[in-house]
């Protein structure tokens, strides 16, 4: 399963990554909306874990973009 984590908190992201990596998931992490939108436009993910309050904007914007892509 390929997972994208969108989280601006480095410590929390590392903790989540550590847990998920130990369970044979393919895991990618980005810390801002710009990078998230770039990744989502290029790769297919089975799951996106989204922080709704990201330092460079609102996570709901990413959610709206995801809805348009489906």
C-alpha atoms as a PDB file:
ATOM      1  CA  UNK A   1       0.000   0.000   0.000  1.00  0.00           C
ATOM      2  CA  UNK A   2       1.387   3.391  -0.982  1.00  0.00           C
ATOM      3  CA  UNK A   3       0.688   6.179   1.503  1.00  0.00           C
ATOM      4  CA  UNK A   4       1.269   9.922   1.304  1.00  0.00           C
ATOM      5  CA  UNK A   5       1.477  11.803   4.595  1.00  0.00           C
ATOM      6  CA  UNK A   6       0.918  15.557   4.458  1.00  0.00           C
ATOM      7  CA  UNK A   7       2.107  16.843   7.836  1.00  0.00           C
ATOM      8  CA  UNK A   8       4.139  19.922   8.726  1.00  0.00           C
ATOM      9  CA  UNK A   9       5.156  18.655  12.169  1.00  0.00           C
ATOM     10  CA  UNK A  10       8.466  16.835  11.692  1.00  0.00           C
ATOM     11  CA  UNK A  11       8.347  14.902  14.970  1.00  0.00           C
ATOM     12  CA  UNK A  12       4.807  13.634  14.367  1.00  0.00           C
ATOM     13  CA  UNK A  13       5.613  12.779  10.747  1.00  0.00           C
ATOM     14  CA  UNK A  14       8.691  10.804  11.830  1.00  0.00           C
ATOM     15  CA  UNK A  15       6.646   8.913  14.404  1.00  0.00           C
ATOM     16  CA  UNK A  16       3.935   8.010  11.893  1.00  0.00           C
ATOM     17  CA  UNK A  17       6.536   7.063   9.291  1.00  0.00           C
ATOM     18  CA  UNK A  18       8.364   4.850  11.764  1.00  0.00           C
ATOM     19  CA  UNK A  19       5.172   3.012  12.637  1.00  0.00           C
ATOM     20  CA  UNK A  20       3.948   2.581   9.067  1.00  0.00           C
ATOM     21  CA  UNK A  21       7.328   1.627   7.621  1.00  0.00           C
ATOM     22  CA  UNK A  22       7.493  -1.237  10.075  1.00  0.00           C
ATOM     23  CA  UNK A  23       4.298  -2.643   8.584  1.00  0.00           C
ATOM     24  CA  UNK A  24       5.524  -2.971   4.977  1.00  0.00           C
ATOM     25  CA  UNK A  25       3.856   0.178   3.648  1.00  0.00           C
ATOM     26  CA  UNK A  26       5.455   2.340   0.982  1.00  0.00           C
ATOM     27  CA  UNK A  27       5.481   5.708   2.646  1.00  0.00           C
ATOM     28  CA  UNK A  28       6.148   9.253   1.440  1.00  0.00           C
ATOM     29  CA  UNK A  29       6.021  12.427   3.495  1.00  0.00           C
ATOM     30  CA  UNK A  30       5.670  16.053   2.465  1.00  0.00           C
ATOM     31  CA  UNK A  31       5.499  19.048   4.765  1.00  0.00           C
ATOM     32  CA  UNK A  32       3.600  21.610   2.705  1.00  0.00           C
ATOM     33  CA  UNK A  33       0.704  22.008   0.324  1.00  0.00           C
ATOM     34  CA  UNK A  34       2.823  22.829  -2.728  1.00  0.00           C
ATOM     35  CA  UNK A  35       4.814  19.589  -2.462  1.00  0.00           C
ATOM     36  CA  UNK A  36       1.648  17.620  -1.703  1.00  0.00           C
ATOM     37  CA  UNK A  37      -0.079  18.837  -4.855  1.00  0.00           C
ATOM     38  CA  UNK A  38       3.039  18.033  -6.906  1.00  0.00           C
ATOM     39  CA  UNK A  39       3.168  14.463  -5.535  1.00  0.00           C
ATOM     40  CA  UNK A  40      -0.556  13.878  -5.969  1.00  0.00           C
ATOM     41  CA  UNK A  41      -0.446  15.021  -9.592  1.00  0.00           C
ATOM     42  CA  UNK A  42       2.395  12.613 -10.454  1.00  0.00           C
ATOM     43  CA  UNK A  43       1.816   9.482  -8.344  1.00  0.00           C
ATOM     44  CA  UNK A  44      -1.153   7.329  -7.369  1.00  0.00           C
ATOM     45  CA  UNK A  45      -1.617   6.719  -3.656  1.00  0.00           C
ATOM     46  CA  UNK A  46      -3.795   4.170  -1.925  1.00  0.00           C
ATOM     47  CA  UNK A  47      -4.145   6.436   1.085  1.00  0.00           C
ATOM     48  CA  UNK A  48      -3.493  10.104   1.865  1.00  0.00           C
ATOM     49  CA  UNK A  49      -3.101  11.106   5.517  1.00  0.00           C
ATOM     50  CA  UNK A  50      -3.819  14.808   5.603  1.00  0.00           C
ATOM     51  CA  UNK A  51      -3.095  17.424   8.261  1.00  0.00           C
ATOM     52  CA  UNK A  52      -5.897  19.965   7.918  1.00  0.00           C
ATOM     53  CA  UNK A  53      -3.810  22.834   9.281  1.00  0.00           C
ATOM     54  CA  UNK A  54      -0.565  23.015   7.303  1.00  0.00           C
ATOM     55  CA  UNK A  55       1.925  25.867   7.713  1.00  0.00           C
ATOM     56  CA  UNK A  56       1.509  27.150   4.158  1.00  0.00           C
ATOM     57  CA  UNK A  57      -2.263  26.883   3.898  1.00  0.00           C
ATOM     58  CA  UNK A  58      -5.393  24.932   4.566  1.00  0.00           C
ATOM     59  CA  UNK A  59      -5.524  21.166   4.114  1.00  0.00           C
ATOM     60  CA  UNK A  60      -9.110  21.444   2.928  1.00  0.00           C
ATOM     61  CA  UNK A  61      -7.734  22.914  -0.312  1.00  0.00           C
ATOM     62  CA  UNK A  62      -5.839  19.684  -0.931  1.00  0.00           C
ATOM     63  CA  UNK A  63      -8.972  17.707  -0.146  1.00  0.00           C
ATOM     64  CA  UNK A  64     -10.931  19.713  -2.714  1.00  0.00           C
ATOM     65  CA  UNK A  65      -8.231  19.045  -5.326  1.00  0.00           C
ATOM     66  CA  UNK A  66      -8.372  15.321  -4.552  1.00  0.00           C
ATOM     67  CA  UNK A  67     -12.154  15.314  -5.040  1.00  0.00           C
ATOM     68  CA  UNK A  68     -11.763  16.954  -8.458  1.00  0.00           C
ATOM     69  CA  UNK A  69      -9.238  14.323  -9.529  1.00  0.00           C
ATOM     70  CA  UNK A  70     -11.580  11.399  -8.839  1.00  0.00           C
END
